[in-house]
Amino acid sequence: MLTQCGLHWSLYSAWYNHCGSTNVLVRVDKPGDDYIYCLPPGDTWLGAETEVENAYYIGGAGCSPVTKP
């Protein structure tokens, strides 16, 4: 099964799949606060599905260092 690019939910968890080839900045909206992470290519676990309201690309191609939830 192919995973879509961007935010998706699976197994009661929220994930962000970055389909590009460089690190990028992604904003993750959680109840009560928002976070910005530098994510690498591929699938990254963001948290339990009840903890993540939205996640989206905000630019920053090539950001460093990689930061993950």
N, C-alpha and C. Protein backbone atom coordinates (compact mmCIF):
# COMPACT_ATOMS: atom_id res chain seq x y z
N MET A 1 0.84 -1.18 0.00
CA MET A 1 0.00 0.00 0.00
C MET A 1 0.88 1.25 0.00
N LEU A 2 0.59 2.18 -0.87
CA LEU A 2 1.33 3.43 -0.93
C LEU A 2 0.76 4.43 0.06
N THR A 3 1.63 5.17 0.73
CA THR A 3 1.21 6.19 1.67
C THR A 3 1.17 7.53 0.94
N GLN A 4 0.09 8.26 1.16
CA GLN A 4 -0.04 9.58 0.52
C GLN A 4 1.00 10.54 1.09
N CYS A 5 1.31 11.57 0.35
CA CYS A 5 2.21 12.62 0.83
C CYS A 5 1.44 13.53 1.78
N GLY A 6 2.14 14.04 2.79
CA GLY A 6 1.51 14.93 3.75
C GLY A 6 0.95 14.20 4.95
N LEU A 7 0.01 14.84 5.62
CA LEU A 7 -0.58 14.30 6.84
C LEU A 7 -1.50 13.12 6.53
N HIS A 8 -1.36 12.07 7.32
CA HIS A 8 -2.28 10.94 7.24
C HIS A 8 -2.34 10.26 8.60
N TRP A 9 -3.41 9.51 8.81
CA TRP A 9 -3.59 8.80 10.07
C TRP A 9 -3.58 7.31 9.82
N SER A 10 -2.93 6.59 10.75
CA SER A 10 -2.85 5.14 10.64
C SER A 10 -2.59 4.56 12.03
N LEU A 11 -3.30 3.50 12.36
CA LEU A 11 -3.10 2.80 13.63
C LEU A 11 -3.17 3.75 14.82
N TYR A 12 -4.19 4.63 14.83
CA TYR A 12 -4.45 5.57 15.92
C TYR A 12 -3.34 6.61 16.10
N SER A 13 -2.54 6.80 15.07
CA SER A 13 -1.45 7.77 15.12
C SER A 13 -1.53 8.72 13.94
N ALA A 14 -0.96 9.91 14.12
CA ALA A 14 -0.85 10.87 13.03
C ALA A 14 0.58 10.79 12.48
N TRP A 15 0.69 10.82 11.17
CA TRP A 15 1.98 10.72 10.48
C TRP A 15 2.07 11.82 9.44
N TYR A 16 3.31 12.24 9.13
CA TYR A 16 3.54 13.15 8.01
C TYR A 16 4.53 12.49 7.08
N ASN A 17 4.11 12.28 5.84
CA ASN A 17 4.97 11.67 4.84
C ASN A 17 5.48 12.76 3.89
N HIS A 18 6.76 13.07 4.01
CA HIS A 18 7.37 14.04 3.11
C HIS A 18 7.93 13.30 1.91
N CYS A 19 7.38 13.59 0.74
CA CYS A 19 7.75 12.85 -0.47
C CYS A 19 8.93 13.46 -1.23
N GLY A 20 9.44 14.59 -0.77
CA GLY A 20 10.57 15.22 -1.44
C GLY A 20 11.89 14.60 -1.05
N SER A 21 12.98 15.23 -1.48
CA SER A 21 14.32 14.66 -1.25
C SER A 21 15.16 15.46 -0.25
N THR A 22 14.64 16.58 0.28
CA THR A 22 15.38 17.36 1.27
C THR A 22 14.53 17.51 2.53
N ASN A 23 15.15 17.91 3.62
CA ASN A 23 14.41 18.22 4.84
C ASN A 23 13.53 19.44 4.58
N VAL A 24 12.37 19.52 5.27
CA VAL A 24 11.47 20.66 5.13
C VAL A 24 10.86 21.02 6.49
N LEU A 25 10.37 22.26 6.59
CA LEU A 25 9.67 22.69 7.80
C LEU A 25 8.19 22.34 7.68
N VAL A 26 7.66 21.76 8.75
CA VAL A 26 6.25 21.37 8.81
C VAL A 26 5.67 21.92 10.10
N ARG A 27 4.53 22.59 9.98
CA ARG A 27 3.81 23.08 11.16
C ARG A 27 2.82 22.01 11.58
N VAL A 28 2.85 21.69 12.87
CA VAL A 28 1.94 20.69 13.43
C VAL A 28 1.04 21.39 14.45
N ASP A 29 -0.26 21.37 14.19
CA ASP A 29 -1.23 21.99 15.09
C ASP A 29 -1.74 20.94 16.07
N LYS A 30 -1.52 21.23 17.35
CA LYS A 30 -1.99 20.36 18.42
C LYS A 30 -2.91 21.19 19.31
N PRO A 31 -3.85 20.55 20.00
CA PRO A 31 -4.76 21.30 20.87
C PRO A 31 -3.97 22.19 21.84
N GLY A 32 -4.24 23.48 21.79
CA GLY A 32 -3.60 24.41 22.71
C GLY A 32 -2.26 24.96 22.28
N ASP A 33 -1.63 24.40 21.24
CA ASP A 33 -0.32 24.89 20.82
C ASP A 33 0.01 24.39 19.42
N ASP A 34 0.95 25.06 18.78
CA ASP A 34 1.43 24.67 17.46
C ASP A 34 2.94 24.50 17.53
N TYR A 35 3.46 23.61 16.72
CA TYR A 35 4.89 23.33 16.72
C TYR A 35 5.41 23.36 15.29
N ILE A 36 6.68 23.72 15.14
CA ILE A 36 7.33 23.67 13.83
C ILE A 36 8.50 22.71 13.94
N TYR A 37 8.52 21.74 13.05
CA TYR A 37 9.57 20.73 13.03
C TYR A 37 10.28 20.74 11.69
N CYS A 38 11.55 20.40 11.70
CA CYS A 38 12.32 20.16 10.49
C CYS A 38 12.30 18.64 10.28
N LEU A 39 11.57 18.21 9.25
CA LEU A 39 11.39 16.78 9.03
C LEU A 39 12.17 16.30 7.81
N PRO A 40 12.70 15.08 7.90
CA PRO A 40 13.43 14.49 6.78
C PRO A 40 12.45 13.86 5.78
N PRO A 41 12.96 13.45 4.62
CA PRO A 41 12.11 12.73 3.67
C PRO A 41 11.59 11.43 4.31
N GLY A 42 10.41 11.03 3.88
CA GLY A 42 9.82 9.79 4.39
C GLY A 42 8.75 10.05 5.42
N ASP A 43 8.31 8.98 6.07
CA ASP A 43 7.21 9.01 7.02
C ASP A 43 7.72 9.31 8.42
N THR A 44 7.12 10.30 9.09
CA THR A 44 7.50 10.68 10.45
C THR A 44 6.27 10.63 11.34
N TRP A 45 6.38 9.95 12.47
CA TRP A 45 5.31 9.88 13.45
C TRP A 45 5.18 11.22 14.15
N LEU A 46 3.96 11.77 14.23
CA LEU A 46 3.73 13.06 14.86
C LEU A 46 3.11 12.96 16.24
N GLY A 47 2.43 11.87 16.51
CA GLY A 47 1.79 11.69 17.81
C GLY A 47 0.50 10.90 17.66
N ALA A 48 -0.18 10.72 18.79
CA ALA A 48 -1.47 10.03 18.78
C ALA A 48 -2.47 10.85 17.96
N GLU A 49 -3.40 10.17 17.31
CA GLU A 49 -4.36 10.87 16.46
C GLU A 49 -5.17 11.90 17.23
N THR A 50 -5.37 11.71 18.52
CA THR A 50 -6.11 12.68 19.33
C THR A 50 -5.28 13.90 19.70
N GLU A 51 -3.97 13.85 19.46
CA GLU A 51 -3.07 14.95 19.81
C GLU A 51 -2.74 15.86 18.63
N VAL A 52 -3.10 15.46 17.42
CA VAL A 52 -2.73 16.22 16.22
C VAL A 52 -4.00 16.64 15.47
N GLU A 53 -4.16 17.95 15.27
CA GLU A 53 -5.32 18.47 14.55
C GLU A 53 -5.02 18.66 13.06
N ASN A 54 -3.77 19.07 12.73
CA ASN A 54 -3.40 19.32 11.35
C ASN A 54 -1.88 19.37 11.26
N ALA A 55 -1.36 19.18 10.08
CA ALA A 55 0.08 19.32 9.83
C ALA A 55 0.26 19.69 8.36
N TYR A 56 1.14 20.65 8.10
CA TYR A 56 1.33 21.08 6.73
C TYR A 56 2.71 21.71 6.52
N TYR A 57 3.16 21.60 5.29
CA TYR A 57 4.44 22.13 4.82
C TYR A 57 4.41 23.66 4.87
N ILE A 58 5.48 24.26 5.42
CA ILE A 58 5.56 25.73 5.45
C ILE A 58 6.84 26.25 4.81
N GLY A 59 7.57 25.40 4.11
CA GLY A 59 8.79 25.83 3.42
C GLY A 59 10.03 25.32 4.11
N GLY A 60 11.08 26.11 4.04
CA GLY A 60 12.32 25.76 4.74
C GLY A 60 13.07 24.58 4.16
N ALA A 61 13.01 24.39 2.86
CA ALA A 61 13.72 23.27 2.24
C ALA A 61 15.19 23.29 2.63
N GLY A 62 15.69 22.15 3.04
CA GLY A 62 17.08 22.03 3.45
C GLY A 62 17.33 22.41 4.89
N CYS A 63 16.26 22.58 5.69
CA CYS A 63 16.44 22.98 7.10
C CYS A 63 17.32 21.96 7.84
N SER A 64 17.92 22.43 8.91
CA SER A 64 18.81 21.60 9.70
C SER A 64 18.91 22.24 11.09
N PRO A 65 19.05 21.48 12.13
CA PRO A 65 19.04 20.01 12.18
C PRO A 65 17.62 19.47 12.12
N VAL A 66 17.51 18.19 11.86
CA VAL A 66 16.21 17.52 11.86
C VAL A 66 15.68 17.53 13.28
N THR A 67 14.43 17.96 13.45
CA THR A 67 13.75 17.92 14.75
C THR A 67 12.47 17.14 14.56
N LYS A 68 12.19 16.25 15.47
CA LYS A 68 10.99 15.42 15.38
C LYS A 68 10.24 15.47 16.70
N PRO A 69 8.93 15.25 16.63
CA PRO A 69 8.15 15.18 17.87
C PRO A 69 8.60 14.02 18.74
